């Protein structure tokens, strides 16, 4: 199974005080147990490093950054085609809480046929993908 991890899930995993920490750890352990292929994006990591610094600490952010460098998580880079697809998605949705980074994630999930999303952001649950996508996290 191919899984895309979003910022909220990374923050929940990295910050012990996060309300979703124990749930996030259980979900991630199941992915590892089933040998899921994990993906994220450079935009998600940018957002995650910043949020970890703001919600946790600089040390938490740097530790996460170092761990990402040693992980087996596949980092998808936003190229011109993905950016264009994300802009199209962004223009369609007026929801103020929907970020451009979310839209790049939707575009990557569609392009790479990613089958599941690990996120605590409800937008990932309701976005119309080009193929069936299972959601982990949230409610």
N, C-alpha and C. Protein backbone atom coordinates (compact mmCIF):
# COMPACT_ATOMS: atom_id res chain seq x y z
N UNK A 1 0.84 -1.19 0.00
CA UNK A 1 0.00 0.00 0.00
C UNK A 1 0.88 1.25 0.00
N UNK A 2 0.51 2.22 -0.80
CA UNK A 2 1.20 3.51 -0.85
C UNK A 2 0.43 4.52 -0.01
N UNK A 3 1.14 5.18 0.93
CA UNK A 3 0.51 6.10 1.88
C UNK A 3 1.17 7.47 1.80
N UNK A 4 0.36 8.53 1.74
CA UNK A 4 0.85 9.90 1.78
C UNK A 4 0.66 10.45 3.19
N UNK A 5 1.74 10.96 3.80
CA UNK A 5 1.66 11.54 5.14
C UNK A 5 1.67 13.06 5.05
N UNK A 6 0.68 13.67 5.72
CA UNK A 6 0.55 15.13 5.74
C UNK A 6 1.14 15.71 7.02
N UNK A 7 1.24 17.01 7.05
CA UNK A 7 1.84 17.78 8.14
C UNK A 7 1.27 17.44 9.51
N UNK A 8 -0.05 17.42 9.64
CA UNK A 8 -0.67 17.15 10.93
C UNK A 8 -0.27 15.81 11.52
N UNK A 9 -0.14 14.81 10.67
CA UNK A 9 0.27 13.49 11.14
C UNK A 9 1.72 13.52 11.61
N UNK A 10 2.58 14.18 10.85
CA UNK A 10 3.98 14.30 11.28
C UNK A 10 4.08 15.03 12.62
N UNK A 11 3.34 16.12 12.77
CA UNK A 11 3.37 16.88 14.03
C UNK A 11 2.86 16.02 15.19
N UNK A 12 1.79 15.26 14.95
CA UNK A 12 1.26 14.39 15.99
C UNK A 12 2.28 13.33 16.40
N UNK A 13 3.03 12.82 15.44
CA UNK A 13 4.06 11.82 15.75
C UNK A 13 5.23 12.42 16.52
N UNK A 14 5.58 13.65 16.22
CA UNK A 14 6.80 14.26 16.76
C UNK A 14 6.62 14.99 18.08
N UNK A 15 5.39 15.39 18.40
CA UNK A 15 5.14 16.17 19.62
C UNK A 15 4.36 15.30 20.62
N UNK A 16 5.02 14.83 21.67
CA UNK A 16 4.35 13.96 22.64
C UNK A 16 3.08 14.54 23.24
N UNK A 17 3.00 15.86 23.39
CA UNK A 17 1.83 16.50 23.98
C UNK A 17 0.69 16.71 22.99
N UNK A 18 0.92 16.42 21.72
CA UNK A 18 -0.13 16.59 20.71
C UNK A 18 -1.31 15.68 21.04
N UNK A 19 -2.52 16.19 20.89
CA UNK A 19 -3.72 15.42 21.22
C UNK A 19 -3.87 14.15 20.40
N UNK A 20 -3.23 14.09 19.24
CA UNK A 20 -3.32 12.92 18.36
C UNK A 20 -2.09 12.02 18.44
N UNK A 21 -1.19 12.27 19.38
CA UNK A 21 0.08 11.54 19.44
C UNK A 21 -0.10 10.03 19.52
N UNK A 22 -0.88 9.54 20.47
CA UNK A 22 -1.00 8.09 20.64
C UNK A 22 -1.70 7.45 19.44
N UNK A 23 -2.73 8.11 18.91
CA UNK A 23 -3.41 7.61 17.72
C UNK A 23 -2.46 7.58 16.53
N UNK A 24 -1.69 8.64 16.36
CA UNK A 24 -0.74 8.72 15.24
C UNK A 24 0.30 7.61 15.33
N UNK A 25 0.82 7.36 16.52
CA UNK A 25 1.82 6.30 16.69
C UNK A 25 1.24 4.93 16.36
N UNK A 26 0.00 4.67 16.76
CA UNK A 26 -0.64 3.39 16.47
C UNK A 26 -0.85 3.21 14.96
N UNK A 27 -1.30 4.26 14.30
CA UNK A 27 -1.51 4.21 12.85
C UNK A 27 -0.18 3.97 12.13
N UNK A 28 0.85 4.73 12.51
CA UNK A 28 2.15 4.60 11.86
C UNK A 28 2.73 3.20 12.07
N UNK A 29 2.54 2.65 13.26
CA UNK A 29 3.03 1.29 13.55
C UNK A 29 2.37 0.27 12.63
N UNK A 30 1.09 0.46 12.34
CA UNK A 30 0.39 -0.46 11.43
C UNK A 30 0.95 -0.36 10.01
N UNK A 31 1.27 0.87 9.59
CA UNK A 31 1.88 1.03 8.26
C UNK A 31 3.20 0.28 8.20
N UNK A 32 4.00 0.41 9.23
CA UNK A 32 5.29 -0.28 9.26
C UNK A 32 5.10 -1.79 9.27
N UNK A 33 4.15 -2.26 10.05
CA UNK A 33 3.87 -3.69 10.14
C UNK A 33 3.48 -4.26 8.78
N UNK A 34 2.70 -3.49 8.02
CA UNK A 34 2.24 -3.95 6.70
C UNK A 34 3.19 -3.55 5.57
N UNK A 35 4.35 -3.02 5.95
CA UNK A 35 5.38 -2.63 4.97
C UNK A 35 4.84 -1.68 3.90
N UNK A 36 4.06 -0.70 4.35
CA UNK A 36 3.52 0.31 3.44
C UNK A 36 4.67 1.15 2.88
N UNK A 37 4.49 1.63 1.66
CA UNK A 37 5.45 2.54 1.04
C UNK A 37 4.96 3.95 1.39
N UNK A 38 5.78 4.68 2.13
CA UNK A 38 5.38 5.98 2.66
C UNK A 38 5.90 7.11 1.78
N UNK A 39 5.02 8.06 1.50
CA UNK A 39 5.35 9.24 0.70
C UNK A 39 4.98 10.51 1.47
N UNK A 40 5.68 11.56 1.18
CA UNK A 40 5.30 12.91 1.58
C UNK A 40 5.85 13.83 0.51
N UNK A 41 5.79 15.14 0.74
CA UNK A 41 6.32 16.06 -0.27
C UNK A 41 7.26 17.07 0.39
N UNK A 42 8.04 17.72 -0.45
CA UNK A 42 8.92 18.77 0.04
C UNK A 42 8.11 19.92 0.64
N UNK A 43 6.92 20.20 0.10
CA UNK A 43 6.07 21.26 0.65
C UNK A 43 5.55 20.87 2.03
N UNK A 44 5.16 19.61 2.20
CA UNK A 44 4.69 19.13 3.51
C UNK A 44 5.83 19.23 4.52
N UNK A 45 7.03 18.86 4.12
CA UNK A 45 8.16 18.94 5.06
C UNK A 45 8.46 20.39 5.44
N UNK A 46 8.39 21.30 4.48
CA UNK A 46 8.57 22.72 4.77
C UNK A 46 7.58 23.16 5.85
N UNK A 47 6.32 22.82 5.63
CA UNK A 47 5.27 23.18 6.57
C UNK A 47 5.49 22.50 7.94
N UNK A 48 5.91 21.25 7.92
CA UNK A 48 6.12 20.48 9.15
C UNK A 48 7.27 21.06 9.97
N UNK A 49 8.40 21.37 9.35
CA UNK A 49 9.53 21.94 10.09
C UNK A 49 9.11 23.22 10.80
N UNK A 50 8.36 24.05 10.10
CA UNK A 50 7.92 25.32 10.68
C UNK A 50 6.94 25.10 11.83
N UNK A 51 5.94 24.24 11.62
CA UNK A 51 4.95 23.99 12.67
C UNK A 51 5.57 23.32 13.90
N UNK A 52 6.51 22.42 13.68
CA UNK A 52 7.17 21.78 14.82
C UNK A 52 7.94 22.80 15.65
N UNK A 53 8.55 23.75 14.98
CA UNK A 53 9.27 24.80 15.70
C UNK A 53 8.30 25.67 16.49
N UNK A 54 7.14 25.98 15.89
CA UNK A 54 6.16 26.85 16.53
C UNK A 54 5.41 26.13 17.66
N UNK A 55 4.98 24.89 17.41
CA UNK A 55 4.17 24.15 18.38
C UNK A 55 5.01 23.40 19.41
N UNK A 56 6.20 23.03 19.00
CA UNK A 56 7.09 22.29 19.89
C UNK A 56 8.26 23.17 20.29
N UNK A 57 9.36 22.99 19.58
CA UNK A 57 10.56 23.79 19.83
C UNK A 57 11.48 23.68 18.63
N UNK A 58 12.50 24.52 18.63
CA UNK A 58 13.50 24.45 17.57
C UNK A 58 14.17 23.07 17.60
N UNK A 59 14.47 22.59 18.79
CA UNK A 59 15.12 21.27 18.93
C UNK A 59 14.23 20.15 18.36
N UNK A 60 12.93 20.24 18.60
CA UNK A 60 12.01 19.24 18.07
C UNK A 60 12.03 19.25 16.55
N UNK A 61 12.02 20.45 15.97
CA UNK A 61 12.04 20.59 14.52
C UNK A 61 13.33 20.03 13.92
N UNK A 62 14.45 20.38 14.52
CA UNK A 62 15.75 19.91 14.00
C UNK A 62 15.87 18.39 14.15
N UNK A 63 15.39 17.86 15.27
CA UNK A 63 15.43 16.40 15.48
C UNK A 63 14.61 15.69 14.40
N UNK A 64 13.42 16.22 14.12
CA UNK A 64 12.58 15.65 13.07
C UNK A 64 13.28 15.73 11.71
N UNK A 65 13.87 16.88 11.44
CA UNK A 65 14.60 17.07 10.18
C UNK A 65 15.70 16.02 10.03
N UNK A 66 16.45 15.79 11.10
CA UNK A 66 17.53 14.79 11.08
C UNK A 66 16.97 13.38 10.88
N UNK A 67 15.86 13.08 11.56
CA UNK A 67 15.25 11.75 11.41
C UNK A 67 14.71 11.53 10.00
N UNK A 68 14.18 12.57 9.38
CA UNK A 68 13.70 12.45 8.00
C UNK A 68 14.85 12.09 7.06
N UNK A 69 16.02 12.65 7.34
CA UNK A 69 17.20 12.36 6.52
C UNK A 69 17.62 10.90 6.58
N UNK A 70 17.25 10.21 7.65
CA UNK A 70 17.62 8.80 7.84
C UNK A 70 16.46 7.85 7.55
N UNK A 71 15.28 8.39 7.29
CA UNK A 71 14.10 7.54 7.13
C UNK A 71 14.02 6.95 5.72
N UNK A 72 13.07 6.05 5.56
CA UNK A 72 12.81 5.45 4.25
C UNK A 72 11.58 6.08 3.59
N UNK A 73 11.21 7.26 4.07
CA UNK A 73 10.05 7.96 3.51
C UNK A 73 10.46 8.59 2.18
N UNK A 74 9.65 8.36 1.17
CA UNK A 74 9.90 8.90 -0.16
C UNK A 74 9.40 10.34 -0.22
N UNK A 75 10.28 11.25 -0.58
CA UNK A 75 9.92 12.66 -0.65
C UNK A 75 9.68 13.03 -2.11
N UNK A 76 8.42 13.35 -2.41
CA UNK A 76 8.05 13.76 -3.75
C UNK A 76 8.25 15.26 -3.88
N UNK A 77 8.87 15.69 -4.95
CA UNK A 77 9.16 17.11 -5.17
C UNK A 77 8.08 17.72 -6.06
N UNK A 78 7.70 18.93 -5.72
CA UNK A 78 6.68 19.63 -6.49
C UNK A 78 7.35 20.20 -7.75
N UNK A 79 6.96 19.66 -8.90
CA UNK A 79 7.49 20.16 -10.17
C UNK A 79 6.43 21.05 -10.83
N UNK A 80 6.71 21.51 -12.03
CA UNK A 80 5.79 22.43 -12.71
C UNK A 80 4.43 21.81 -12.99
N UNK A 81 4.40 20.51 -13.34
CA UNK A 81 3.13 19.85 -13.63
C UNK A 81 2.27 19.72 -12.38
N UNK A 82 2.89 19.34 -11.27
CA UNK A 82 2.15 19.21 -10.00
C UNK A 82 1.68 20.60 -9.54
N UNK A 83 2.55 21.59 -9.68
CA UNK A 83 2.16 22.95 -9.29
C UNK A 83 0.96 23.42 -10.10
N UNK A 84 0.95 23.15 -11.39
CA UNK A 84 -0.17 23.56 -12.24
C UNK A 84 -1.46 22.83 -11.83
N UNK A 85 -1.35 21.53 -11.55
CA UNK A 85 -2.52 20.76 -11.11
C UNK A 85 -3.02 21.29 -9.76
N UNK A 86 -2.09 21.64 -8.87
CA UNK A 86 -2.46 22.17 -7.55
C UNK A 86 -3.16 23.52 -7.69
N UNK A 87 -2.70 24.35 -8.60
CA UNK A 87 -3.35 25.65 -8.83
C UNK A 87 -4.78 25.46 -9.33
N UNK A 88 -4.98 24.48 -10.20
CA UNK A 88 -6.33 24.19 -10.69
C UNK A 88 -7.24 23.77 -9.54
N UNK A 89 -6.74 22.90 -8.68
CA UNK A 89 -7.50 22.44 -7.52
C UNK A 89 -7.78 23.62 -6.58
N UNK A 90 -6.75 24.41 -6.30
CA UNK A 90 -6.87 25.55 -5.38
C UNK A 90 -7.96 26.52 -5.85
N UNK A 91 -7.98 26.78 -7.14
CA UNK A 91 -8.97 27.72 -7.70
C UNK A 91 -10.40 27.23 -7.54
N UNK A 92 -10.61 25.91 -7.51
CA UNK A 92 -11.94 25.32 -7.43
C UNK A 92 -12.55 25.40 -6.04
N UNK A 93 -11.73 25.49 -5.01
CA UNK A 93 -12.23 25.39 -3.64
C UNK A 93 -12.03 26.70 -2.88
N UNK A 94 -13.13 27.26 -2.38
CA UNK A 94 -13.08 28.53 -1.66
C UNK A 94 -12.82 28.37 -0.17
N UNK A 95 -12.81 27.17 0.34
CA UNK A 95 -12.62 26.93 1.77
C UNK A 95 -11.35 27.62 2.26
N UNK A 96 -11.47 28.50 3.22
CA UNK A 96 -10.34 29.28 3.72
C UNK A 96 -9.27 28.43 4.40
N UNK A 97 -9.67 27.28 4.93
CA UNK A 97 -8.70 26.45 5.65
C UNK A 97 -7.90 25.54 4.72
N UNK A 98 -8.27 25.48 3.47
CA UNK A 98 -7.56 24.65 2.49
C UNK A 98 -6.30 25.39 2.05
N UNK A 99 -5.16 24.80 2.31
CA UNK A 99 -3.90 25.45 1.95
C UNK A 99 -3.45 25.02 0.55
N UNK A 100 -2.56 25.80 -0.02
CA UNK A 100 -1.98 25.41 -1.30
C UNK A 100 -1.17 24.13 -1.14
N UNK A 101 -0.52 23.97 0.01
CA UNK A 101 0.22 22.73 0.28
C UNK A 101 -0.73 21.54 0.24
N UNK A 102 -1.94 21.67 0.81
CA UNK A 102 -2.93 20.59 0.71
C UNK A 102 -3.20 20.25 -0.75
N UNK A 103 -3.37 21.28 -1.57
CA UNK A 103 -3.66 21.07 -2.99
C UNK A 103 -2.53 20.36 -3.72
N UNK A 104 -1.28 20.66 -3.35
CA UNK A 104 -0.16 19.93 -3.96
C UNK A 104 -0.21 18.46 -3.55
N UNK A 105 -0.61 18.20 -2.31
CA UNK A 105 -0.76 16.82 -1.85
C UNK A 105 -1.82 16.08 -2.65
N UNK A 106 -2.97 16.73 -2.88
CA UNK A 106 -4.04 16.11 -3.68
C UNK A 106 -3.52 15.76 -5.07
N UNK A 107 -2.79 16.70 -5.67
CA UNK A 107 -2.27 16.48 -7.02
C UNK A 107 -1.27 15.31 -7.04
N UNK A 108 -0.41 15.23 -6.03
CA UNK A 108 0.55 14.12 -5.95
C UNK A 108 -0.15 12.78 -5.77
N UNK A 109 -1.15 12.75 -4.91
CA UNK A 109 -1.91 11.52 -4.68
C UNK A 109 -2.54 11.04 -5.99
N UNK A 110 -3.10 11.97 -6.74
CA UNK A 110 -3.69 11.61 -8.03
C UNK A 110 -2.64 11.13 -9.02
N UNK A 111 -1.55 11.86 -9.15
CA UNK A 111 -0.54 11.53 -10.16
C UNK A 111 0.18 10.22 -9.87
N UNK A 112 0.47 9.94 -8.60
CA UNK A 112 1.25 8.76 -8.25
C UNK A 112 0.38 7.57 -7.82
N UNK A 113 -0.94 7.70 -7.92
CA UNK A 113 -1.83 6.60 -7.57
C UNK A 113 -1.69 6.16 -6.12
N UNK A 114 -1.48 7.12 -5.24
CA UNK A 114 -1.32 6.82 -3.81
C UNK A 114 -2.67 6.39 -3.26
N UNK A 115 -2.67 5.29 -2.51
CA UNK A 115 -3.92 4.64 -2.11
C UNK A 115 -4.47 5.07 -0.76
N UNK A 116 -3.64 5.71 0.05
CA UNK A 116 -4.09 6.07 1.40
C UNK A 116 -3.45 7.37 1.84
N UNK A 117 -4.14 8.06 2.76
CA UNK A 117 -3.64 9.32 3.30
C UNK A 117 -3.66 9.22 4.82
N UNK A 118 -2.55 9.63 5.43
CA UNK A 118 -2.44 9.71 6.88
C UNK A 118 -2.39 11.19 7.22
N UNK A 119 -3.53 11.71 7.71
CA UNK A 119 -3.67 13.14 7.95
C UNK A 119 -4.72 13.38 9.02
N UNK A 120 -4.57 14.47 9.72
CA UNK A 120 -5.60 14.90 10.66
C UNK A 120 -6.33 16.12 10.12
N UNK A 121 -6.14 16.39 8.85
CA UNK A 121 -6.76 17.49 8.13
C UNK A 121 -7.94 16.91 7.35
N UNK A 122 -9.14 17.32 7.67
CA UNK A 122 -10.35 16.75 7.06
C UNK A 122 -10.42 16.96 5.55
N UNK A 123 -9.70 17.94 5.02
CA UNK A 123 -9.73 18.17 3.57
C UNK A 123 -9.31 16.93 2.80
N UNK A 124 -8.37 16.18 3.36
CA UNK A 124 -7.90 14.99 2.67
C UNK A 124 -8.98 13.92 2.59
N UNK A 125 -9.89 13.92 3.56
CA UNK A 125 -10.97 12.93 3.57
C UNK A 125 -12.01 13.23 2.48
N UNK A 126 -12.27 14.50 2.22
CA UNK A 126 -13.38 14.87 1.35
C UNK A 126 -12.98 15.28 -0.06
N UNK A 127 -11.70 15.37 -0.33
CA UNK A 127 -11.29 15.77 -1.68
C UNK A 127 -11.67 14.69 -2.68
N UNK A 128 -12.18 15.08 -3.85
CA UNK A 128 -12.51 14.08 -4.88
C UNK A 128 -11.25 13.66 -5.65
N UNK A 129 -10.74 12.49 -5.35
CA UNK A 129 -9.53 11.97 -6.02
C UNK A 129 -9.90 11.28 -7.32
N UNK A 130 -8.90 11.02 -8.13
CA UNK A 130 -9.12 10.35 -9.41
C UNK A 130 -9.26 8.84 -9.24
N UNK A 131 -9.07 8.32 -8.02
CA UNK A 131 -9.15 6.90 -7.73
C UNK A 131 -9.51 6.74 -6.24
N UNK A 132 -9.93 5.55 -5.82
CA UNK A 132 -10.29 5.36 -4.40
C UNK A 132 -9.09 5.58 -3.48
N UNK A 133 -9.29 6.35 -2.40
CA UNK A 133 -8.24 6.64 -1.43
C UNK A 133 -8.80 6.41 -0.03
N UNK A 134 -8.06 5.64 0.77
CA UNK A 134 -8.46 5.37 2.15
C UNK A 134 -7.85 6.43 3.06
N UNK A 135 -8.58 6.81 4.09
CA UNK A 135 -8.15 7.88 4.99
C UNK A 135 -7.83 7.32 6.37
N UNK A 136 -6.66 7.71 6.93
CA UNK A 136 -6.27 7.34 8.27
C UNK A 136 -6.01 8.62 9.06
N UNK A 137 -6.57 8.69 10.25
CA UNK A 137 -6.42 9.89 11.08
C UNK A 137 -7.76 10.57 11.22
N UNK A 138 -7.77 11.69 11.87
CA UNK A 138 -9.01 12.43 12.07
C UNK A 138 -9.97 11.68 12.95
N UNK A 139 -11.23 11.74 12.62
CA UNK A 139 -12.27 11.09 13.43
C UNK A 139 -12.21 9.60 13.35
